[in-house]
Amino acid sequence: MNERQMELLNRLLDGFDGKLTSSKWAAIAQCSPDTALRDINDLLASGVLRRSESGGRSTSYELPLPSQCP
């Protein structure tokens, strides 16, 4: 896990206001949208994050509930 990922996960654990999207990730981590999406996809693949139920262009991400962890 890289420094950007740890920083954003800590924000989620501390109670992130609103929905976490890739564009918010890029703004908070001060990285490109492509880098933000790579970070998110890495966390999705490892089961640390999951896509929220809303999809399409409004895709947001959240921490899985303990019962949903791999």
Protein backbone atom coordinates (compact mmCIF):
# COMPACT_ATOMS: atom_id res chain seq x y z
CA MET A 1 0.00 0.00 0.00
CA ASN A 2 1.42 3.37 -0.95
CA GLU A 3 1.34 6.63 1.00
CA ARG A 4 -1.63 8.06 -0.96
CA GLN A 5 -3.67 4.96 -0.29
CA MET A 6 -2.88 5.01 3.43
CA GLU A 7 -3.77 8.71 3.69
CA LEU A 8 -7.14 8.26 1.98
CA LEU A 9 -8.01 5.12 3.93
CA ASN A 10 -7.28 6.97 7.17
CA ARG A 11 -9.68 9.70 6.05
CA LEU A 12 -12.35 7.09 5.35
CA LEU A 13 -11.82 5.51 8.77
CA ASP A 14 -12.04 8.93 10.45
CA GLY A 15 -15.44 9.58 8.88
CA PHE A 16 -15.23 10.92 5.34
CA ASP A 17 -18.07 13.36 4.53
CA GLY A 18 -19.94 12.49 1.36
CA LYS A 19 -19.06 9.86 -1.20
CA LEU A 20 -15.52 9.00 -2.19
CA THR A 21 -15.10 9.20 -5.95
CA SER A 22 -12.00 8.92 -8.08
CA SER A 23 -12.08 12.67 -8.75
CA LYS A 24 -12.20 13.42 -5.01
CA TRP A 25 -9.36 10.95 -4.49
CA ALA A 26 -7.27 12.77 -7.11
CA ALA A 27 -7.98 16.17 -5.54
CA ILE A 28 -7.22 15.09 -1.98
CA ALA A 29 -4.09 13.11 -2.87
CA GLN A 30 -2.97 15.77 -5.38
CA CYS A 31 -2.43 13.22 -8.12
CA SER A 32 -3.74 12.69 -11.63
CA PRO A 33 -7.15 11.06 -12.18
CA ASP A 34 -5.39 8.08 -13.78
CA THR A 35 -3.20 7.59 -10.72
CA ALA A 36 -6.24 7.88 -8.44
CA LEU A 37 -8.04 5.20 -10.44
CA ARG A 38 -4.99 2.91 -10.29
CA ASP A 39 -4.83 3.37 -6.50
CA ILE A 40 -8.55 2.60 -6.17
CA ASN A 41 -8.40 -0.43 -8.48
CA ASP A 42 -5.50 -1.82 -6.45
CA LEU A 43 -7.54 -1.49 -3.24
CA LEU A 44 -10.61 -2.99 -4.92
CA ALA A 45 -8.58 -6.00 -6.05
CA SER A 46 -7.24 -6.59 -2.54
CA GLY A 47 -10.70 -6.21 -0.97
CA VAL A 48 -9.85 -3.10 1.05
CA LEU A 49 -12.45 -1.01 -0.82
CA ARG A 50 -15.66 -1.89 -2.60
CA ARG A 51 -17.85 -0.08 -5.11
CA SER A 52 -20.97 1.38 -3.61
CA GLU A 53 -24.32 0.26 -4.97
CA SER A 54 -24.72 3.32 -7.19
CA GLY A 55 -22.91 2.75 -10.45
CA GLY A 56 -22.29 4.32 -13.80
CA ARG A 57 -20.83 7.80 -13.87
CA SER A 58 -21.60 8.29 -10.20
CA THR A 59 -19.45 5.38 -9.02
CA SER A 60 -18.26 5.87 -5.48
CA TYR A 61 -16.21 3.70 -3.19
CA GLU A 62 -16.49 2.69 0.44
CA LEU A 63 -14.98 0.43 3.03
CA PRO A 64 -16.66 -2.98 3.08
CA LEU A 65 -18.62 -4.04 6.13
CA PRO A 66 -16.76 -6.58 8.30
CA SER A 67 -19.06 -9.36 7.06
CA GLN A 68 -18.09 -8.50 3.45
CA CYS A 69 -14.32 -8.69 3.96
CA PRO A 70 -12.48 -11.52 2.20
